[in-house]
Structures are given as C-alpha cells and as structure tokens.
Amino acid sequence: MSEPPLIELREVTVTSGGYDALAEASASFPEGRSTVIMGPSGCGKSTLLKVAAGLVPPDRGRVLYSGEDLFGLSARRMHALRAASGFVFQDGALWENKSVFENLALPLQIHASSLARTDVEKKVARMLERGGLADSANLRPAQLSAGERKIVSFLRALMNEPSLVYLDEPTVSIDHVAAEKIGLMIRELKARGCSIVAVTHDSRLASTLADRMVVLSAGRVLAEGEFDAVKSNGDPRVRGILSQVLGEIASFDTDLLELLDTHEN
C-alpha cells in the first residue's frame, strides 16, 4: 500500500464574502516533491495554499497531514508542524516595527527558544549573507526595496531549515536580480528534497521547479498530476487557463507554449 500524500485536500470548500473561494477542491501534495498551483488571478490559488498550510480552515471538506486531520492535530503536533514548515507570503508580511534582524530571529524565538543569543546572531548573519543582505540587519522593512523585502520574507521562512515550504508568488513584482536570488534558493531547496507547494505566474520558475501541477479555475481544481501530463492535458479549459496565465507575463516557457500551440492548431 502506498504512503499517503504529505498534504491532501478532500472536497474542500471555503466561503468568503458570499462566494466560494474554493468549491469542493481536491488536491494532493506528495512528500519530497514540488507542486505548482496555476490559474488566473482571483481563482482561489492563495486560499488553497493557505488551507494546505493550515492557516485557513475549510468550511466543508477535510485537510489531511500524513493521513491525519490537519485541523484536529494536538497543540504539540501543530507546533512541530509549524517548526518544520515555512510560508512565504505574497506581500512579504514582514513586521514593519521590527528590524530585518528581528524579523529573521522571530522563528527561532518561537521554535528554538533554547538557542543562545550568540547562536541566533550567527544563524541570522549566515542567512542574510546567503540572501546578499549582510549589511541590512539593522534596517526596517520600509527601508528596503520590494525585492529585498521579498528576499527577507523568503529567508525568514527558511530560518528553521524546514522540510516543507509554501510559496505564494515568490517572484512577483520584484526586480530581476531579486527574482534570480530567490529562484536559486528555491532550486537549492528542491535539490535537498524539500517538499514545496508554490503559487506562481512565473512560467520559467514553474518549468524548473515543478514535479507536479494543479490547475485551478473559479475555486475548482480542473487538473492535477505530474507536470508533463497536466501541461499536455487535452481539456480546452485547462489549455485556455495555461495560455491565459502565461500570456500575463513577459517571460515564457517555450516548450509549454509550443505544446499549447500544437493543441490549438
């Protein structure tokens, strides 16, 4: 019998503002694999990501973590899951009243409170060096560029060396240099076998990152599975969404566009 997925959504519905942000959505995220969630703006991608991460509870349906009800875990189990996972929010979600150092130290204070101050300082310094922000420890988020803020958010998610990382548009609305740094760190996570669930419009990142893909439309999962299988899906709705999403960005996955063109002609 095969192992259960690390995270699994079963017919999940989330209602927000009088409409279903997710409507009976089912998707699975295997351990040690990278899954990309794609779809048009406003289709529920971020909601699905936050439900999978245990940040937003479903109104109906179930979310399982290693076969157990995610929202029924004991406080100790949930704390352990939080320590082993990291989440990069689309807007960075940094504490504006804290320095860059304090933002990065926060996960250690919560999940590794026994660490000595000198060890915390060393870990933060190493992480800032990794992100090319060694001289920014004492700055506030408002003093950083959009790209630097996203890098700090990404570094904060990695402070506890997580085995599971959630990424919400990690390269959106930032400069090329910052996007390249984040892309490199994501590839490093993938190389060491980290489980990754990512929402992205970046076709280059998707094509290099994804083992699997979920295609979402109006809160419903239209397709999920291995990346190559989904991108060659014959469903015109799936092809249309992928064409639409890829058309919203300036950098294209040539192979994917050629494949879509083949289906269209």
Protein backbone atom coordinates (compact mmCIF):
# COMPACT_ATOMS: atom_id res chain seq x y z
CA MET A 1 0.00 0.00 0.00
CA SER A 2 1.44 3.39 -0.99
CA GLU A 3 2.22 6.11 1.52
CA PRO A 4 -0.47 8.80 1.93
CA PRO A 5 0.32 12.23 0.48
CA LEU A 6 2.04 14.62 2.88
CA ILE A 7 -0.84 17.08 2.46
CA GLU A 8 -4.22 16.25 0.94
CA LEU A 9 -7.34 18.35 0.40
CA ARG A 10 -10.58 16.41 0.04
CA GLU A 11 -13.57 18.29 -1.44
CA VAL A 12 -12.65 21.48 0.39
CA THR A 13 -14.98 24.48 0.26
CA VAL A 14 -14.07 27.89 1.67
CA THR A 15 -16.68 30.64 1.56
CA SER A 16 -15.57 34.27 1.70
CA GLY A 17 -17.59 37.43 1.11
CA GLY A 18 -20.64 35.50 -0.01
CA TYR A 19 -18.92 33.35 -2.63
CA ASP A 20 -16.89 30.15 -2.67
CA ALA A 21 -13.18 30.96 -2.84
CA LEU A 22 -12.73 27.18 -3.07
CA ALA A 23 -15.51 24.87 -4.22
CA GLU A 24 -15.14 21.15 -3.45
CA ALA A 25 -11.45 21.38 -4.31
CA SER A 26 -9.38 18.20 -4.05
CA ALA A 27 -5.60 18.08 -4.45
CA SER A 28 -2.66 16.15 -3.04
CA PHE A 29 0.92 17.19 -2.32
CA PRO A 30 3.39 14.29 -2.00
CA GLU A 31 6.37 14.43 0.32
CA GLY A 32 9.67 15.42 -1.26
CA ARG A 33 8.01 16.71 -4.45
CA SER A 34 7.45 20.21 -5.82
CA THR A 35 3.90 21.15 -6.80
CA VAL A 36 2.96 24.37 -8.61
CA ILE A 37 -0.57 25.79 -8.42
CA MET A 38 -1.53 27.80 -11.52
CA GLY A 39 -4.63 29.66 -12.58
CA PRO A 40 -5.96 33.14 -13.42
CA SER A 41 -5.96 35.95 -10.86
CA GLY A 42 -8.68 35.62 -8.23
CA CYS A 43 -9.32 31.92 -8.82
CA GLY A 44 -8.50 30.85 -5.24
CA LYS A 45 -4.84 29.86 -5.54
CA SER A 46 -3.69 31.68 -2.39
CA THR A 47 -6.69 30.37 -0.46
CA LEU A 48 -5.85 26.80 -1.49
CA LEU A 49 -2.24 27.35 -0.43
CA LYS A 50 -3.25 28.73 2.98
CA VAL A 51 -5.72 25.89 3.56
CA ALA A 52 -2.99 23.35 2.71
CA ALA A 53 -0.66 25.11 5.16
CA GLY A 54 -3.23 25.01 7.96
CA LEU A 55 -3.64 28.80 8.03
CA VAL A 56 -7.26 28.88 6.81
CA PRO A 57 -9.74 26.21 7.94
CA PRO A 58 -12.23 24.85 5.38
CA ASP A 59 -15.95 25.43 5.80
CA ARG A 60 -16.54 21.97 4.35
CA GLY A 61 -14.28 19.09 3.42
CA ARG A 62 -11.11 17.76 5.02
CA VAL A 63 -7.41 18.57 5.01
CA LEU A 64 -5.09 15.71 5.89
CA TYR A 65 -1.46 15.82 7.02
CA SER A 66 0.22 12.40 6.65
CA GLY A 67 -3.27 10.89 6.75
CA GLU A 68 -4.38 12.77 9.89
CA ASP A 69 -6.91 15.60 10.12
CA LEU A 70 -4.70 18.69 9.92
CA PHE A 71 -7.11 20.86 11.88
CA GLY A 72 -7.55 18.17 14.52
CA LEU A 73 -3.87 17.89 15.43
CA SER A 74 -2.90 18.39 19.05
CA ALA A 75 -1.23 21.67 20.00
CA ARG A 76 2.11 19.85 20.29
CA ARG A 77 1.78 18.25 16.83
CA MET A 78 0.72 21.53 15.26
CA HIS A 79 3.68 23.31 16.89
CA ALA A 80 6.03 20.66 15.48
CA LEU A 81 4.46 21.05 12.02
CA ARG A 82 4.88 24.82 12.17
CA ALA A 83 8.55 24.37 13.15
CA ALA A 84 9.12 22.04 10.18
CA SER A 85 7.44 24.30 7.62
CA GLY A 86 7.87 27.80 6.24
CA PHE A 87 5.47 30.13 4.44
CA VAL A 88 6.42 32.98 2.09
CA PHE A 89 3.51 35.41 1.77
CA GLN A 90 2.87 37.27 -1.47
CA ASP A 91 3.22 40.67 0.22
CA GLY A 92 6.14 39.58 2.40
CA ALA A 93 4.15 40.04 5.64
CA LEU A 94 7.16 41.44 7.50
CA TRP A 95 6.81 43.13 10.88
CA GLU A 96 7.23 46.80 10.00
CA ASN A 97 8.11 47.81 13.57
CA LYS A 98 10.95 45.29 13.75
CA SER A 99 14.38 45.33 12.14
CA VAL A 100 15.42 42.84 9.49
CA PHE A 101 17.40 41.01 12.18
CA GLU A 102 14.36 40.84 14.47
CA ASN A 103 12.13 39.58 11.65
CA LEU A 104 14.55 36.74 10.90
CA ALA A 105 15.14 35.91 14.56
CA LEU A 106 11.42 35.56 15.29
CA PRO A 107 11.00 31.95 14.06
CA LEU A 108 13.99 30.92 16.18
CA GLN A 109 12.50 32.61 19.23
CA ILE A 110 9.25 30.71 18.72
CA HIS A 111 10.56 27.28 17.71
CA ALA A 112 14.14 27.20 19.05
CA SER A 113 13.85 29.27 22.21
CA SER A 114 16.73 27.40 23.90
CA LEU A 115 19.25 28.80 21.39
CA ALA A 116 21.76 31.19 22.91
CA ARG A 117 21.69 34.78 21.70
CA THR A 118 25.10 34.35 20.03
CA ASP A 119 23.82 31.32 18.10
CA VAL A 120 20.76 33.26 16.95
CA GLU A 121 23.02 36.09 15.76
CA LYS A 122 25.21 33.66 13.85
CA LYS A 123 22.25 31.94 12.15
CA VAL A 124 20.70 35.26 11.16
CA ALA A 125 24.05 36.58 9.87
CA ARG A 126 24.56 33.44 7.76
CA MET A 127 21.07 33.72 6.33
CA LEU A 128 21.49 37.40 5.46
CA GLU A 129 24.78 36.59 3.76
CA ARG A 130 23.03 33.89 1.78
CA GLY A 131 20.47 36.43 0.57
CA GLY A 132 23.04 39.11 -0.22
CA LEU A 133 21.76 41.36 2.58
CA ALA A 134 24.64 41.14 5.05
CA ASP A 135 24.60 44.90 5.67
CA SER A 136 20.83 45.19 6.18
CA ALA A 137 20.37 43.59 9.62
CA ASN A 138 19.52 46.86 11.40
CA LEU A 139 17.25 48.28 8.69
CA ARG A 140 13.46 48.34 8.91
CA PRO A 141 11.41 46.75 6.10
CA ALA A 142 10.33 50.20 4.88
CA GLN A 143 13.97 50.96 4.09
CA LEU A 144 14.24 48.00 1.71
CA SER A 145 13.28 47.65 -1.94
CA ALA A 146 10.37 45.39 -2.90
CA GLY A 147 12.83 42.71 -3.99
CA GLU A 148 14.81 42.93 -0.76
CA ARG A 149 11.63 42.67 1.30
CA LYS A 150 10.63 39.51 -0.56
CA ILE A 151 14.12 38.07 -0.01
CA VAL A 152 13.85 38.77 3.73
CA SER A 153 10.43 37.10 3.80
CA PHE A 154 11.90 34.09 2.00
CA LEU A 155 14.89 33.93 4.36
CA ARG A 156 12.59 34.12 7.38
CA ALA A 157 10.68 31.08 6.09
CA LEU A 158 13.96 29.14 5.95
CA MET A 159 15.28 30.03 9.40
CA ASN A 160 14.28 26.71 10.97
CA GLU A 161 15.54 24.69 7.98
CA PRO A 162 12.04 23.47 7.09
CA SER A 163 11.29 20.27 5.23
CA LEU A 164 8.04 21.74 3.85
CA VAL A 165 7.81 25.20 2.25
CA TYR A 166 4.79 27.10 0.91
CA LEU A 167 5.44 29.89 -1.59
CA ASP A 168 2.82 32.45 -2.62
CA GLU A 169 4.05 34.19 -5.80
CA PRO A 170 7.70 34.28 -4.62
CA THR A 171 8.96 36.22 -7.66
CA VAL A 172 6.03 38.53 -8.43
CA SER A 173 6.52 42.33 -8.60
CA ILE A 174 10.24 42.27 -7.86
CA ASP A 175 13.33 43.08 -9.90
CA HIS A 176 15.23 40.52 -11.96
CA VAL A 177 18.18 40.31 -9.55
CA ALA A 178 15.98 39.53 -6.55
CA ALA A 179 13.95 37.02 -8.58
CA GLU A 180 17.15 35.24 -9.63
CA LYS A 181 18.35 35.03 -5.99
CA ILE A 182 15.03 33.61 -4.84
CA GLY A 183 14.92 31.20 -7.79
CA LEU A 184 18.37 29.91 -6.88
CA MET A 185 17.36 29.34 -3.25
CA ILE A 186 14.21 27.53 -4.36
CA ARG A 187 16.28 25.24 -6.58
CA GLU A 188 18.57 24.55 -3.62
CA LEU A 189 15.53 23.56 -1.52
CA LYS A 190 14.35 21.26 -4.29
CA ALA A 191 17.82 19.69 -4.61
CA ARG A 192 17.86 18.71 -0.94
CA GLY A 193 14.44 17.06 -1.19
CA CYS A 194 12.29 19.71 0.46
CA SER A 195 8.54 19.41 -0.12
CA ILE A 196 7.44 22.57 -1.96
CA VAL A 197 3.96 23.89 -2.73
CA ALA A 198 4.03 27.09 -4.79
CA VAL A 199 1.59 29.51 -6.35
CA THR A 200 3.25 31.25 -9.28
CA HIS A 201 2.61 33.00 -12.59
CA ASP A 202 6.31 32.66 -13.44
CA SER A 203 6.49 30.04 -16.20
CA ARG A 204 10.29 29.82 -16.03
CA LEU A 205 10.18 29.10 -12.31
CA ALA A 206 7.30 26.65 -12.78
CA SER A 207 9.06 24.69 -15.51
CA THR A 208 12.30 24.35 -13.50
CA LEU A 209 10.62 23.78 -10.13
CA ALA A 210 7.54 21.68 -10.69
CA ASP A 211 7.32 17.92 -10.47
CA ARG A 212 3.54 18.28 -10.33
CA MET A 213 0.94 20.90 -11.24
CA VAL A 214 -2.55 21.85 -10.07
CA VAL A 215 -4.71 23.97 -12.38
CA LEU A 216 -7.41 25.98 -10.64
CA SER A 217 -10.36 27.97 -12.02
CA ALA A 218 -13.07 29.78 -10.03
CA GLY A 219 -12.18 27.83 -6.91
CA ARG A 220 -12.32 24.44 -8.61
CA VAL A 221 -9.46 22.10 -9.45
CA LEU A 222 -9.62 21.30 -13.15
CA ALA A 223 -6.49 19.17 -13.34
CA GLU A 224 -3.71 17.88 -11.11
CA GLY A 225 -0.88 15.44 -11.54
CA GLU A 226 2.61 15.14 -12.97
CA PHE A 227 3.74 18.38 -14.63
CA ASP A 228 4.21 16.97 -18.14
CA ALA A 229 0.85 15.19 -18.02
CA VAL A 230 -1.08 18.29 -16.91
CA LYS A 231 0.56 20.66 -19.37
CA SER A 232 -0.40 18.29 -22.21
CA ASN A 233 -3.96 17.90 -20.90
CA GLY A 234 -6.47 17.87 -23.73
CA ASP A 235 -9.20 19.71 -21.79
CA PRO A 236 -9.71 23.06 -23.59
CA ARG A 237 -10.44 24.74 -20.22
CA VAL A 238 -7.01 23.69 -18.91
CA ARG A 239 -5.28 24.75 -22.13
CA GLY A 240 -7.10 28.07 -22.08
CA ILE A 241 -6.12 28.80 -18.48
CA LEU A 242 -2.48 27.94 -19.05
CA SER A 243 -2.43 30.13 -22.17
CA GLN A 244 -4.07 32.97 -20.23
CA VAL A 245 -1.72 32.71 -17.27
CA LEU A 246 1.35 32.54 -19.48
CA GLY A 247 0.08 35.46 -21.51
CA GLU A 248 0.07 37.67 -18.41
CA ILE A 249 3.85 37.58 -18.04
CA ALA A 250 6.76 38.67 -20.20
CA SER A 251 8.88 35.52 -19.93
CA PHE A 252 7.52 32.36 -21.49
CA ASP A 253 8.20 28.67 -21.22
CA THR A 254 8.91 27.94 -24.91
CA ASP A 255 8.18 24.23 -24.67
CA LEU A 256 4.86 24.83 -22.97
CA LEU A 257 3.80 27.48 -25.47
CA GLU A 258 4.73 25.24 -28.39
CA LEU A 259 2.70 22.45 -26.84
CA LEU A 260 -0.30 24.70 -26.38
CA ASP A 261 0.03 25.95 -29.97
CA THR A 262 0.07 22.34 -31.18
CA HIS A 263 -3.21 21.64 -29.41
CA GLU A 264 -4.77 24.84 -30.75
CA ASN A 265 -3.89 24.09 -34.41
